[in-house]
Amino acid sequence: MLTLFDSTENFLLTSLQLMSALFIFVIGLAALWGVYAFIVDSTQKTQAIRRNYPVIGRFRALFERLGEFFRQYFFAMDREELPFNRAQRNWVYRAAKDVDNTVAFGSTRNLTVPGQVIFVNCPFPTLGEDAVPPQPLTIGPFARQPYTIAGLFHISGMSYGAISKPALEALASGAAKAGCWLNTGEGGLTRYHLERGTDLVFQIGTAKYGVRDSAGNLSDERLQAVAAHPQVRMFEIKLSQGAKPGKGGILPAAKVTPEIAEIRGIPVGVDSISPNRHPDVGNTAELLDLIERVRRVTGKPVGFKVVLGAYGWLDELLGMVHARGVASAPDFITVDSADGGTGAAPMPLMDDMGLPLRVSLPMLVDKLNEYGLRERIRVIASGKLITPADVAWALCIGADFITSARGFMFALGCIQALQCNKNTCPTGITTHQRKFQRGLHAPTKAVRVAAYVQNLSKEVGIIAHSCGVRSPRELRRFHAHLVQADGRTIGLDQFYPESERQIVAALSWPQTWPRDQMGVAQGSEDRLRPSPLGPLRGPSQRDLIIQPATGDIFP
C-alpha cells in the first residue's frame, strides 16, 4: 500500500516538474517572440501604428476582426445592425423553421423614425372565409410559351459558384416544394438546377455564361438548348445589379473550382469578372432587339433586370416600345434596389451608386401607367425585401412579384458573417470548402426554404386582410402611410401620387394591342380602387376581362 502511495506521489511530482518546465519554456518563447516583434515593428516602415507602438499595435487587426462578432452578439440592439438587423433575421429563422413567430408585450420598432412604413387597418377587416389566395398572373402574352404563376415571393439570382452545391440543391428542392421560381443567376444552368423539377428563370449575364459561343458571343443554338428544358420558364437579361450597378459579376479566384470553370468556360483559379455591360447592347434600340431575339429563339418570356438611375431612360424605353408596338416590349422588368446584395462588389458602387427601391419602384410603376403598359410589362421588385411588411409595401406600390436572395440565404442558415467573397462562409452557403459545406444538410434546408415562402405569404395575407382586401395583390398605395420628420404620417398615394394622365393611360392600354395578337387581356389594377373603409365587394381587379372587340369591361 505504501509503495502505491509513493509511486503516485512520484508521478505527481514528476508531472508538476514537467509542466513547470513546459510553462517556463512557453514563457521564454513568448519573450523571444516579443523581442523579435519589437525589433521588427520598430524598424518596419509600412504601418505607423506598429512602428509607434511595437508589439501592442499588432493586436489592432485582431480586435477589429473580433469586434464584428462581439457587436453582433453582445452590443448591437435588435434593430441596429446593417444590412439586416437581428429582428429581421430572427423572423426569417423562425419562419423557415416553421415555429411560433409571434412576439409578446409590445413592439420594439420605433414608429416615429422618418421613412418608416405603417399599414392602415380597416375598421371592417376581411373575414377568413372571404379571403382568397393570390390569383395566377401571366407573363409574356406574346411569347409562344407564356408563363403563368400565382405565387408572390420567389428566389432571386444566385449563381452556382457564388453559392455552394448543397445550398443550390436546397434552394432548388425548396422552390419546387413551395411552388416558386428559382433564378439561376448569371453562372449558367447546371444539373443541380434541373434535377429538382423547379421552375427556373435563366439569367443572361454580361458574360453570357451558358449561352455563348467560343468567341463569347450570344449563341442561338445554346439558347435553344437551354430553352428546351421545360423547367426553364423565362429568360432574364441582366443589365445591372443593385450592389454594383455599372460593374459586371465578380467571382473570386478561390471560388472558381474545376467544375465551375467547366460550366462557365473559364480558367480554373482565376477571377471570373464579367464585362460591365453587354458588349452588344449599347443603347435602348439594341436592348429591345436583344429581347426580341431571345424571345424569338426560345419562345419564352424575356425581360431584364436593372438598377434604375437615369430618370429619362424609362421615357426613351417605353416611347420606343410604343413606336415599335407593344409586342416588342419586355415581358417583365426586375427592378433591383441600390441596397441589394452580392457576393463581391467595390464599396463605392455598393454604398453610393443607383436608386434605392423606395424611389425606383414607384417611378417604374408610374411610368408604365403613364405609357399605358402597366399590364403588358410585369413588375418584379428585388432588394432587401425579406419580411412580410417589405413584401406588402412593394405590392402596395404596384409590384406583381417580389424576389429575394439574402432572405433565402437566412432560411438556409446564413448568420451574416460577411464572408461571401472569401470562400470561408462558416455556414457552407457561399464557400466551396468541404469542411464548411458538411454543415449544410440540403434536404433539411429545402424544407426550411419552402416553409419560409409559405409563412411569408401567409403573413402578407394577414396584412392584406387587416387592410380590408381579400388578397395581397389588391393592396394599393392608400393602404400604407409613411412617417414624416415631424412624426405625422402621409399616405403612399399622396407621397407617390398618380396623375390623371397616368390613370387614363392605364385604362386605355388594351385598345393599343393588335387584335390578331391578343384577344383577351386582364384588366388594369387601377380600374377599381377598393374602399379604404371596408373590404372589397364584387369582382376583384384581377378578375376583370376586357371584351376584345369593344374594349368594354365585364366581370
Protein backbone atom coordinates (compact mmCIF):
# COMPACT_ATOMS: atom_id res chain seq x y z
CA MET A 1 0.00 0.00 0.00
CA LEU A 2 2.89 2.32 0.89
CA THR A 3 4.56 1.51 -2.40
CA LEU A 4 1.47 2.54 -4.36
CA PHE A 5 1.32 5.81 -2.44
CA ASP A 6 5.00 6.52 -3.12
CA SER A 7 4.50 5.75 -6.84
CA THR A 8 1.56 8.13 -7.08
CA GLU A 9 3.48 10.85 -5.23
CA ASN A 10 6.48 10.44 -7.53
CA PHE A 11 4.23 10.57 -10.62
CA LEU A 12 2.56 13.77 -9.46
CA LEU A 13 5.86 15.45 -8.62
CA THR A 14 7.32 14.47 -11.98
CA SER A 15 4.22 15.78 -13.77
CA LEU A 16 4.43 19.09 -11.93
CA GLN A 17 8.10 19.44 -12.80
CA LEU A 18 7.40 18.75 -16.48
CA MET A 19 4.50 21.23 -16.56
CA SER A 20 6.64 23.83 -14.81
CA ALA A 21 9.42 23.32 -17.32
CA LEU A 22 6.94 23.50 -20.20
CA PHE A 23 5.43 26.69 -18.76
CA ILE A 24 8.86 28.30 -18.42
CA PHE A 25 9.69 27.20 -21.97
CA VAL A 26 6.48 28.75 -23.35
CA ILE A 27 7.10 31.96 -21.43
CA GLY A 28 10.61 32.03 -22.83
CA LEU A 29 9.33 31.56 -26.37
CA ALA A 30 6.79 34.33 -25.83
CA ALA A 31 9.54 36.62 -24.52
CA LEU A 32 11.77 35.82 -27.51
CA TRP A 33 8.85 36.45 -29.89
CA GLY A 34 8.19 39.74 -28.09
CA VAL A 35 11.79 40.85 -28.57
CA TYR A 36 11.71 39.79 -32.21
CA ALA A 37 8.36 41.52 -32.83
CA PHE A 38 9.59 44.66 -31.07
CA ILE A 39 12.64 44.87 -33.31
CA VAL A 40 10.64 44.15 -36.49
CA ASP A 41 7.85 46.59 -35.60
CA SER A 42 10.24 49.35 -34.62
CA THR A 43 12.16 49.14 -37.88
CA GLN A 44 9.43 48.41 -40.45
CA LYS A 45 8.13 51.40 -42.44
CA THR A 46 4.74 50.28 -43.78
CA GLN A 47 2.47 50.60 -40.71
CA ALA A 48 2.60 53.66 -38.48
CA ILE A 49 0.74 52.07 -35.55
CA ARG A 50 3.16 49.14 -35.32
CA ARG A 51 6.17 51.47 -35.64
CA ASN A 52 4.94 53.79 -32.89
CA TYR A 53 3.51 51.04 -30.67
CA PRO A 54 5.64 47.92 -31.20
CA VAL A 55 4.06 44.55 -30.37
CA ILE A 56 0.86 46.09 -28.93
CA GLY A 57 -0.04 47.57 -32.31
CA ARG A 58 -0.25 44.06 -33.76
CA PHE A 59 -3.43 43.38 -31.77
CA ARG A 60 -5.38 46.13 -33.51
CA ALA A 61 -6.30 43.96 -36.51
CA LEU A 62 -7.31 41.10 -34.20
CA PHE A 63 -9.59 43.32 -32.15
CA GLU A 64 -11.17 44.76 -35.31
CA ARG A 65 -11.89 41.25 -36.53
CA LEU A 66 -13.34 40.12 -33.21
CA GLY A 67 -15.36 43.32 -32.98
CA GLU A 68 -17.67 42.19 -35.79
CA PHE A 69 -18.75 39.21 -33.72
CA PHE A 70 -18.92 41.00 -30.37
CA ARG A 71 -21.09 43.74 -31.85
CA GLN A 72 -23.45 41.23 -33.46
CA TYR A 73 -23.96 39.06 -30.41
CA PHE A 74 -23.37 41.30 -27.39
CA PHE A 75 -23.59 45.01 -28.11
CA ALA A 76 -25.89 45.74 -31.08
CA MET A 77 -29.58 46.20 -30.32
CA ASP A 78 -32.16 44.08 -32.14
CA ARG A 79 -32.88 46.75 -34.75
CA GLU A 80 -29.48 48.40 -35.17
CA GLU A 81 -27.41 46.22 -37.47
CA LEU A 82 -26.93 46.54 -41.22
CA PRO A 83 -27.63 45.30 -43.78
CA PHE A 84 -30.17 43.24 -41.82
CA ASN A 85 -30.82 43.62 -38.12
CA ARG A 86 -31.38 40.85 -35.63
CA ALA A 87 -35.17 41.29 -35.60
CA GLN A 88 -35.35 40.79 -39.37
CA ARG A 89 -33.04 37.79 -39.33
CA ASN A 90 -34.81 36.16 -36.42
CA TRP A 91 -38.16 36.50 -38.17
CA VAL A 92 -36.77 34.64 -41.19
CA TYR A 93 -35.14 31.98 -38.98
CA ARG A 94 -38.42 31.28 -37.19
CA ALA A 95 -40.45 31.30 -40.40
CA ALA A 96 -38.03 28.88 -42.05
CA LYS A 97 -38.11 26.55 -39.05
CA ASP A 98 -41.93 26.80 -39.08
CA VAL A 99 -42.07 27.57 -35.37
CA ASP A 100 -44.15 30.09 -33.44
CA ASN A 101 -43.41 33.52 -34.89
CA THR A 102 -45.48 35.62 -32.51
CA VAL A 103 -43.98 38.23 -30.18
CA ALA A 104 -45.04 39.42 -26.76
CA PHE A 105 -45.53 42.55 -24.68
CA GLY A 106 -45.06 45.17 -27.39
CA SER A 107 -43.20 46.24 -30.49
CA THR A 108 -39.50 47.09 -30.27
CA ARG A 109 -39.76 49.04 -33.51
CA ASN A 110 -39.55 52.81 -33.20
CA LEU A 111 -42.64 54.01 -35.08
CA THR A 112 -41.52 57.65 -35.15
CA VAL A 113 -38.44 57.21 -37.37
CA PRO A 114 -38.91 59.15 -40.63
CA GLY A 115 -39.37 56.87 -43.59
CA GLN A 116 -40.99 54.03 -41.65
CA VAL A 117 -43.95 52.41 -43.41
CA ILE A 118 -47.11 51.84 -41.40
CA PHE A 119 -50.09 49.98 -42.86
CA VAL A 120 -53.51 51.41 -42.16
CA ASN A 121 -56.04 48.92 -40.90
CA CYS A 122 -59.65 48.77 -41.99
CA PRO A 123 -62.46 49.01 -39.39
CA PHE A 124 -64.04 46.00 -41.07
CA PRO A 125 -61.21 43.62 -41.98
CA THR A 126 -61.70 40.76 -44.39
CA LEU A 127 -63.14 37.62 -42.82
CA GLY A 128 -61.24 34.40 -43.19
CA GLU A 129 -63.97 32.83 -45.30
CA ASP A 130 -63.90 35.80 -47.69
CA ALA A 131 -60.12 35.76 -48.20
CA VAL A 132 -58.75 34.38 -51.46
CA PRO A 133 -55.19 33.31 -52.31
CA PRO A 134 -53.15 35.26 -54.85
CA GLN A 135 -54.52 34.66 -58.32
CA PRO A 136 -52.34 33.48 -61.22
CA LEU A 137 -50.69 36.11 -63.41
CA THR A 138 -49.44 35.52 -66.93
CA ILE A 139 -46.03 36.80 -68.02
CA GLY A 140 -45.23 37.10 -71.72
CA PRO A 141 -48.55 37.07 -73.58
CA PHE A 142 -46.72 37.41 -76.91
CA ALA A 143 -44.29 34.56 -76.28
CA ARG A 144 -45.04 31.16 -77.76
CA GLN A 145 -44.95 29.70 -74.24
CA PRO A 146 -46.24 32.29 -71.73
CA TYR A 147 -45.61 31.66 -68.06
CA THR A 148 -48.47 31.70 -65.56
CA ILE A 149 -47.85 31.58 -61.82
CA ALA A 150 -49.73 32.71 -58.71
CA GLY A 151 -47.02 32.98 -56.07
CA LEU A 152 -45.91 36.34 -54.72
CA PHE A 153 -42.42 35.53 -53.47
CA HIS A 154 -39.58 33.95 -55.42
CA ILE A 155 -35.84 33.29 -55.31
CA SER A 156 -33.62 35.92 -56.90
CA GLY A 157 -30.47 35.25 -58.89
CA MET A 158 -27.66 33.39 -57.10
CA SER A 159 -25.28 31.61 -59.44
CA TYR A 160 -23.60 28.29 -58.85
CA GLY A 161 -20.15 29.45 -57.89
CA ALA A 162 -21.37 32.32 -55.77
CA ILE A 163 -23.23 29.70 -53.72
CA SER A 164 -22.25 26.13 -52.99
CA LYS A 165 -23.61 22.87 -54.34
CA PRO A 166 -25.60 21.93 -51.19
CA ALA A 167 -27.01 25.46 -51.00
CA LEU A 168 -28.18 25.28 -54.61
CA GLU A 169 -29.66 21.82 -54.10
CA ALA A 170 -31.59 23.04 -51.05
CA LEU A 171 -32.90 26.12 -52.87
CA ALA A 172 -33.98 24.11 -55.92
CA SER A 173 -35.76 21.48 -53.83
CA GLY A 174 -37.36 24.08 -51.57
CA ALA A 175 -38.58 26.15 -54.51
CA ALA A 176 -40.21 23.07 -56.01
CA LYS A 177 -41.97 22.34 -52.73
CA ALA A 178 -43.15 25.94 -52.32
CA GLY A 179 -44.23 26.48 -55.94
CA CYS A 180 -41.97 29.46 -56.56
CA TRP A 181 -39.38 30.05 -59.25
CA LEU A 182 -35.60 29.97 -58.85
CA ASN A 183 -33.39 32.39 -60.77
CA THR A 184 -30.18 30.70 -61.93
CA GLY A 185 -28.02 33.81 -61.61
CA GLU A 186 -25.50 34.59 -64.33
CA GLY A 187 -23.33 31.50 -63.81
CA GLY A 188 -25.21 29.23 -66.21
CA LEU A 189 -27.52 26.23 -65.93
CA THR A 190 -26.38 23.14 -64.03
CA ARG A 191 -27.76 19.71 -63.31
CA TYR A 192 -28.35 20.82 -59.74
CA HIS A 193 -30.93 23.30 -61.06
CA LEU A 194 -32.67 20.73 -63.24
CA GLU A 195 -32.75 17.65 -61.02
CA ARG A 196 -35.38 19.05 -58.62
CA GLY A 197 -38.01 19.97 -61.23
CA THR A 198 -38.45 23.56 -60.04
CA ASP A 199 -39.45 26.42 -62.33
CA LEU A 200 -36.34 28.29 -63.45
CA VAL A 201 -35.59 31.78 -64.69
CA PHE A 202 -32.39 31.64 -66.71
CA GLN A 203 -30.35 34.79 -66.24
CA ILE A 204 -28.21 36.02 -69.12
CA GLY A 205 -25.35 37.99 -67.61
CA THR A 206 -22.98 40.26 -69.44
CA ALA A 207 -20.51 37.38 -69.93
CA LYS A 208 -23.37 35.21 -71.26
CA TYR A 209 -22.22 32.12 -69.37
CA GLY A 210 -24.08 29.06 -70.55
CA VAL A 211 -25.40 30.61 -73.78
CA ARG A 212 -22.26 31.88 -75.51
CA ASP A 213 -20.14 30.52 -78.32
CA SER A 214 -16.37 30.01 -78.31
CA ALA A 215 -15.85 33.72 -79.09
CA GLY A 216 -18.01 34.82 -76.14
CA ASN A 217 -20.96 35.95 -78.27
CA LEU A 218 -24.59 35.01 -77.69
CA SER A 219 -25.35 31.70 -79.40
CA ASP A 220 -28.82 30.91 -80.74
CA GLU A 221 -28.01 27.20 -80.57
CA ARG A 222 -27.08 27.41 -76.90
CA LEU A 223 -30.22 29.47 -76.21
CA GLN A 224 -32.35 26.80 -77.86
CA ALA A 225 -30.62 24.08 -75.85
CA VAL A 226 -31.35 25.88 -72.58
CA ALA A 227 -34.94 26.67 -73.59
CA ALA A 228 -35.51 23.02 -74.49
CA HIS A 229 -35.59 22.20 -70.78
CA PRO A 230 -39.26 22.50 -69.74
CA GLN A 231 -38.23 23.74 -66.29
CA VAL A 232 -36.73 26.90 -67.83
CA ARG A 233 -39.77 29.15 -67.94
CA MET A 234 -38.32 32.63 -68.58
CA PHE A 235 -35.12 34.42 -69.55
CA GLU A 236 -33.82 37.48 -67.68
CA ILE A 237 -31.22 39.74 -69.29
CA LYS A 238 -29.12 41.23 -66.51
CA LEU A 239 -28.26 44.86 -67.23
CA SER A 240 -27.21 45.76 -63.71
CA GLN A 241 -27.35 44.56 -60.11
CA GLY A 242 -28.28 46.51 -57.02
CA ALA A 243 -25.00 46.16 -55.17
CA LYS A 244 -22.83 47.05 -58.16
CA PRO A 245 -24.59 48.95 -60.95
CA GLY A 246 -22.09 49.60 -63.72
CA LYS A 247 -19.96 46.59 -62.77
CA GLY A 248 -20.15 43.02 -64.01
CA GLY A 249 -20.30 39.91 -61.88
CA ILE A 250 -17.25 39.09 -59.76
CA LEU A 251 -16.41 35.53 -58.71
CA PRO A 252 -13.12 35.47 -56.73
CA ALA A 253 -10.45 33.05 -57.91
CA ALA A 254 -10.73 30.98 -54.72
CA LYS A 255 -14.28 30.04 -55.71
CA VAL A 256 -13.52 29.10 -59.33
CA THR A 257 -13.30 25.32 -58.92
CA PRO A 258 -12.70 22.95 -61.85
CA GLU A 259 -16.43 22.17 -62.07
CA ILE A 260 -17.44 25.84 -62.07
CA ALA A 261 -14.71 26.68 -64.57
CA GLU A 262 -16.05 23.98 -66.90
CA ILE A 263 -19.63 25.23 -66.61
CA ARG A 264 -18.62 28.82 -67.32
CA GLY A 265 -15.87 28.09 -69.81
CA ILE A 266 -13.17 29.97 -67.88
CA PRO A 267 -9.75 29.07 -66.39
CA VAL A 268 -9.57 27.37 -63.00
CA GLY A 269 -8.43 29.51 -60.07
CA VAL A 270 -8.68 32.82 -61.93
CA ASP A 271 -11.03 35.68 -61.01
CA SER A 272 -14.22 35.50 -63.09
CA ILE A 273 -15.04 39.11 -63.94
CA SER A 274 -17.89 39.80 -66.34
CA PRO A 275 -17.97 42.90 -68.57
CA ASN A 276 -19.66 45.92 -67.00
CA ARG A 277 -22.36 45.78 -69.68
CA HIS A 278 -23.42 43.59 -72.60
CA PRO A 279 -20.95 44.41 -75.37
CA ASP A 280 -23.72 44.01 -77.97
CA VAL A 281 -26.16 46.31 -76.15
CA GLY A 282 -25.09 49.93 -76.25
CA ASN A 283 -28.46 51.68 -76.50
CA THR A 284 -32.18 51.18 -75.99
CA ALA A 285 -32.86 50.01 -79.54
CA GLU A 286 -30.23 47.27 -79.22
CA LEU A 287 -31.74 46.20 -75.89
CA LEU A 288 -35.17 45.75 -77.48
CA ASP A 289 -33.53 43.93 -80.39
CA LEU A 290 -31.85 41.53 -77.95
CA ILE A 291 -35.12 40.94 -76.06
CA GLU A 292 -36.89 40.16 -79.31
CA ARG A 293 -34.10 37.86 -80.46
CA VAL A 294 -34.08 35.81 -77.25
CA ARG A 295 -37.90 35.62 -77.22
CA ARG A 296 -38.00 34.52 -80.88
CA VAL A 297 -35.29 31.88 -80.45
CA THR A 298 -36.55 30.45 -77.14
CA GLY A 299 -40.30 31.03 -77.45
CA LYS A 300 -40.40 32.01 -73.78
CA PRO A 301 -40.97 35.28 -71.88
CA VAL A 302 -37.97 37.60 -71.78
CA GLY A 303 -37.35 40.60 -69.53
CA PHE A 304 -34.45 42.38 -67.96
CA LYS A 305 -33.04 43.22 -64.54
CA VAL A 306 -31.92 46.77 -63.87
CA VAL A 307 -31.00 49.26 -61.20
CA LEU A 308 -32.70 52.48 -62.18
CA GLY A 309 -30.65 55.64 -62.20
CA ALA A 310 -31.16 57.93 -65.17
CA TYR A 311 -34.71 59.24 -65.00
CA GLY A 312 -35.10 59.94 -68.71
CA TRP A 313 -34.20 56.43 -69.80
CA LEU A 314 -37.61 54.97 -68.96
CA ASP A 315 -39.29 57.55 -71.20
CA GLU A 316 -36.95 56.59 -74.03
CA LEU A 317 -37.53 52.86 -73.50
CA LEU A 318 -41.32 53.00 -73.22
CA GLY A 319 -41.62 55.53 -76.01
CA MET A 320 -39.65 53.22 -78.28
CA VAL A 321 -41.91 50.31 -77.29
CA HIS A 322 -44.92 52.36 -78.44
CA ALA A 323 -43.16 53.19 -81.68
CA ARG A 324 -42.37 49.53 -82.38
CA GLY A 325 -45.61 48.09 -80.98
CA VAL A 326 -46.47 46.51 -77.66
CA ALA A 327 -45.32 43.09 -78.84
CA SER A 328 -41.74 44.44 -78.72
CA ALA A 329 -41.94 45.27 -75.01
CA PRO A 330 -40.04 43.30 -72.40
CA ASP A 331 -42.35 40.81 -70.75
CA PHE A 332 -41.15 41.87 -67.32
CA ILE A 333 -38.78 44.28 -65.64
CA THR A 334 -36.98 43.28 -62.48
CA VAL A 335 -36.09 46.48 -60.66
CA ASP A 336 -33.30 45.99 -58.15
CA SER A 337 -32.57 48.28 -55.22
CA ALA A 338 -29.30 50.12 -54.74
CA ASP A 339 -29.01 48.38 -51.36
CA GLY A 340 -29.30 44.94 -52.90
CA GLY A 341 -26.81 42.21 -52.12
CA THR A 342 -23.94 40.43 -53.84
CA GLY A 343 -21.06 38.09 -53.15
CA ALA A 344 -18.42 40.67 -54.04
CA ALA A 345 -18.53 44.31 -55.17
CA PRO A 346 -16.46 47.50 -54.93
CA MET A 347 -17.53 49.56 -51.92
CA PRO A 348 -18.17 52.80 -53.90
CA LEU A 349 -20.75 51.00 -56.04
CA MET A 350 -22.27 49.11 -53.14
CA ASP A 351 -22.62 52.21 -50.97
CA ASP A 352 -23.12 55.11 -53.33
CA MET A 353 -24.49 54.10 -56.74
CA GLY A 354 -28.04 53.68 -58.01
CA LEU A 355 -31.51 54.47 -56.70
CA PRO A 356 -32.99 52.59 -53.73
CA LEU A 357 -36.18 50.64 -54.35
CA ARG A 358 -38.33 53.15 -52.47
CA VAL A 359 -37.54 55.61 -55.25
CA SER A 360 -37.18 53.36 -58.28
CA LEU A 361 -40.18 51.05 -57.82
CA PRO A 362 -42.87 53.77 -57.74
CA MET A 363 -41.05 55.58 -60.56
CA LEU A 364 -41.17 52.47 -62.75
CA VAL A 365 -44.81 51.64 -61.96
CA ASP A 366 -45.90 55.23 -62.62
CA LYS A 367 -44.05 55.37 -65.93
CA LEU A 368 -45.65 52.12 -67.05
CA ASN A 369 -49.05 53.55 -66.14
CA GLU A 370 -48.25 56.78 -67.95
CA TYR A 371 -47.41 54.92 -71.16
CA GLY A 372 -50.32 52.51 -70.86
CA LEU A 373 -48.05 49.47 -70.48
CA ARG A 374 -48.67 48.53 -66.86
CA GLU A 375 -50.42 45.25 -67.68
CA ARG A 376 -48.21 44.41 -70.65
CA ILE A 377 -44.98 44.55 -68.63
CA ARG A 378 -44.94 42.72 -65.30
CA VAL A 379 -43.01 44.34 -62.46
CA ILE A 380 -40.71 42.27 -60.25
CA ALA A 381 -39.31 44.05 -57.18
CA SER A 382 -35.99 42.99 -55.67
CA GLY A 383 -33.67 44.29 -52.96
CA LYS A 384 -33.83 43.83 -49.15
CA LEU A 385 -37.42 42.55 -49.23
CA ILE A 386 -37.30 39.66 -46.76
CA THR A 387 -40.20 40.18 -44.32
CA PRO A 388 -43.99 40.31 -44.81
CA ALA A 389 -44.03 44.09 -44.30
CA ASP A 390 -41.36 44.55 -47.00
CA VAL A 391 -43.33 42.44 -49.47
CA ALA A 392 -46.64 44.12 -48.63
CA TRP A 393 -45.08 47.55 -49.20
CA ALA A 394 -43.89 46.51 -52.67
CA LEU A 395 -47.37 45.21 -53.50
CA CYS A 396 -48.90 48.50 -52.35
CA ILE A 397 -46.59 50.41 -54.69
CA GLY A 398 -47.55 48.20 -57.63
CA ALA A 399 -45.19 45.21 -57.90
CA ASP A 400 -46.57 41.98 -59.33
CA PHE A 401 -43.90 39.72 -57.87
CA ILE A 402 -41.13 40.02 -55.29
CA THR A 403 -37.79 38.21 -55.34
CA SER A 404 -35.13 37.85 -52.69
CA ALA A 405 -31.70 36.26 -52.44
CA ARG A 406 -30.45 37.10 -48.95
CA GLY A 407 -33.79 36.21 -47.36
CA PHE A 408 -33.35 32.68 -48.67
CA MET A 409 -29.76 32.65 -47.51
CA PHE A 410 -31.05 33.30 -43.98
CA ALA A 411 -33.52 30.45 -44.48
CA LEU A 412 -30.52 28.24 -45.29
CA GLY A 413 -28.85 29.32 -42.05
CA CYS A 414 -26.78 32.38 -43.02
CA ILE A 415 -25.56 34.25 -39.91
CA GLN A 416 -24.49 37.42 -41.77
CA ALA A 417 -20.81 36.70 -41.21
CA LEU A 418 -19.95 38.89 -44.25
CA GLN A 419 -17.55 36.26 -45.62
CA CYS A 420 -19.25 35.70 -49.00
CA ASN A 421 -16.27 36.97 -51.00
CA LYS A 422 -13.62 34.98 -49.12
CA ASN A 423 -14.68 31.34 -49.62
CA THR A 424 -14.79 30.98 -45.81
CA CYS A 425 -18.55 31.14 -45.16
CA PRO A 426 -18.98 29.35 -41.81
CA THR A 427 -22.43 28.01 -42.76
CA GLY A 428 -21.36 26.44 -46.06
CA ILE A 429 -23.63 28.60 -48.23
CA THR A 430 -21.09 30.68 -50.15
CA THR A 431 -18.00 28.51 -49.89
CA HIS A 432 -16.64 25.52 -51.79
CA GLN A 433 -14.63 24.20 -48.86
CA ARG A 434 -15.99 20.79 -47.91
CA LYS A 435 -15.27 21.29 -44.21
CA PHE A 436 -17.83 24.12 -44.16
CA GLN A 437 -20.27 22.58 -46.64
CA ARG A 438 -20.69 19.47 -44.49
CA GLY A 439 -22.74 21.51 -42.03
CA LEU A 440 -25.37 22.35 -44.66
CA HIS A 441 -27.72 19.38 -45.00
CA ALA A 442 -29.61 20.08 -48.24
CA PRO A 443 -32.79 18.01 -47.57
CA THR A 444 -33.31 19.68 -44.19
CA LYS A 445 -32.67 23.15 -45.55
CA ALA A 446 -35.02 22.53 -48.50
CA VAL A 447 -37.88 22.10 -46.06
CA ARG A 448 -36.93 25.40 -44.43
CA VAL A 449 -36.81 27.21 -47.78
CA ALA A 450 -40.35 26.04 -48.54
CA ALA A 451 -41.58 26.94 -45.05
CA TYR A 452 -40.10 30.45 -45.41
CA VAL A 453 -42.05 31.07 -48.63
CA GLN A 454 -45.26 29.68 -47.18
CA ASN A 455 -45.10 31.57 -43.88
CA LEU A 456 -44.12 34.84 -45.52
CA SER A 457 -47.01 34.57 -47.99
CA LYS A 458 -49.35 33.75 -45.12
CA GLU A 459 -48.36 36.82 -43.12
CA VAL A 460 -48.55 39.10 -46.16
CA GLY A 461 -52.12 37.84 -46.40
CA ILE A 462 -52.67 38.79 -42.75
CA ILE A 463 -51.58 42.36 -43.55
CA ALA A 464 -53.84 42.46 -46.61
CA HIS A 465 -56.86 41.21 -44.68
CA SER A 466 -56.27 43.74 -41.91
CA CYS A 467 -56.29 46.43 -44.59
CA GLY A 468 -59.69 45.19 -45.76
CA VAL A 469 -58.81 43.47 -49.05
CA ARG A 470 -59.31 39.85 -49.96
CA SER A 471 -55.93 39.09 -51.50
CA PRO A 472 -52.42 40.59 -51.22
CA ARG A 473 -52.34 41.84 -54.83
CA GLU A 474 -55.35 44.05 -54.07
CA LEU A 475 -53.21 46.21 -51.77
CA ARG A 476 -52.92 49.79 -53.01
CA ARG A 477 -50.86 52.82 -52.07
CA PHE A 478 -53.51 54.27 -49.79
CA HIS A 479 -53.24 51.16 -47.62
CA ALA A 480 -49.88 52.31 -46.25
CA HIS A 481 -48.56 55.52 -44.70
CA LEU A 482 -45.06 56.94 -44.49
CA VAL A 483 -43.77 58.50 -41.25
CA GLN A 484 -42.63 62.11 -41.74
CA ALA A 485 -39.91 64.06 -39.92
CA ASP A 486 -42.49 65.70 -37.61
CA GLY A 487 -43.88 62.30 -36.57
CA ARG A 488 -47.04 62.59 -38.63
CA THR A 489 -47.79 60.17 -41.48
CA ILE A 490 -48.77 60.62 -45.09
CA GLY A 491 -50.38 58.05 -47.38
CA LEU A 492 -48.22 56.47 -50.04
CA ASP A 493 -50.85 57.56 -52.56
CA GLN A 494 -50.10 61.17 -51.59
CA PHE A 495 -46.35 60.69 -51.37
CA TYR A 496 -46.29 58.93 -54.76
CA PRO A 497 -49.34 60.47 -56.48
CA GLU A 498 -50.64 59.17 -59.76
CA SER A 499 -51.64 61.94 -62.13
CA GLU A 500 -54.92 61.88 -64.05
CA ARG A 501 -52.95 61.43 -67.26
CA GLN A 502 -51.36 58.29 -65.87
CA ILE A 503 -54.68 56.81 -64.79
CA VAL A 504 -56.30 57.48 -68.18
CA ALA A 505 -53.35 55.92 -69.97
CA ALA A 506 -53.51 52.87 -67.73
CA LEU A 507 -57.20 52.41 -68.51
CA SER A 508 -56.72 52.58 -72.27
CA TRP A 509 -53.81 50.18 -72.73
CA PRO A 510 -55.70 47.17 -74.24
CA GLN A 511 -57.04 49.21 -77.14
CA THR A 512 -53.49 49.72 -78.44
CA TRP A 513 -52.83 45.98 -78.68
CA PRO A 514 -53.09 44.31 -82.12
CA ARG A 515 -56.37 42.36 -82.22
CA ASP A 516 -54.81 39.44 -84.05
CA GLN A 517 -52.15 39.05 -81.36
CA MET A 518 -54.17 39.34 -78.17
CA GLY A 519 -57.85 38.58 -77.76
CA VAL A 520 -58.38 38.69 -74.03
CA ALA A 521 -56.34 40.68 -71.53
CA GLN A 522 -56.55 41.12 -67.83
CA GLY A 523 -57.89 44.42 -66.58
CA SER A 524 -55.68 47.09 -65.11
CA GLU A 525 -55.49 47.02 -61.34
CA ASP A 526 -56.26 50.73 -61.20
CA ARG A 527 -59.75 50.50 -62.68
CA LEU A 528 -61.46 49.79 -59.38
CA ARG A 529 -59.90 51.00 -56.16
CA PRO A 530 -61.09 49.05 -53.12
CA SER A 531 -62.53 51.30 -50.46
CA PRO A 532 -60.18 52.05 -47.57
CA LEU A 533 -63.21 51.82 -45.26
CA GLY A 534 -64.26 48.29 -45.99
CA PRO A 535 -63.47 45.03 -47.73
CA LEU A 536 -63.74 44.87 -51.49
CA ARG A 537 -67.16 43.87 -52.80
CA GLY A 538 -67.83 42.41 -56.22
CA PRO A 539 -65.21 41.25 -58.71
CA SER A 540 -61.54 41.66 -57.95
CA GLN A 541 -59.40 43.82 -60.17
CA ARG A 542 -57.63 40.69 -61.33
CA ASP A 543 -60.98 39.10 -62.26
CA LEU A 544 -61.85 41.78 -64.84
CA ILE A 545 -61.81 40.77 -68.51
CA ILE A 546 -61.77 43.09 -71.48
CA GLN A 547 -64.04 42.41 -74.42
CA PRO A 548 -61.66 42.21 -77.41
CA ALA A 549 -63.98 43.80 -79.93
CA THR A 550 -65.14 46.78 -77.90
CA GLY A 551 -62.75 47.20 -75.02
CA ASP A 552 -65.71 47.02 -72.59
CA ILE A 553 -65.06 45.73 -69.09
CA PHE A 554 -67.13 42.95 -67.61
CA PRO A 555 -66.69 40.65 -64.60
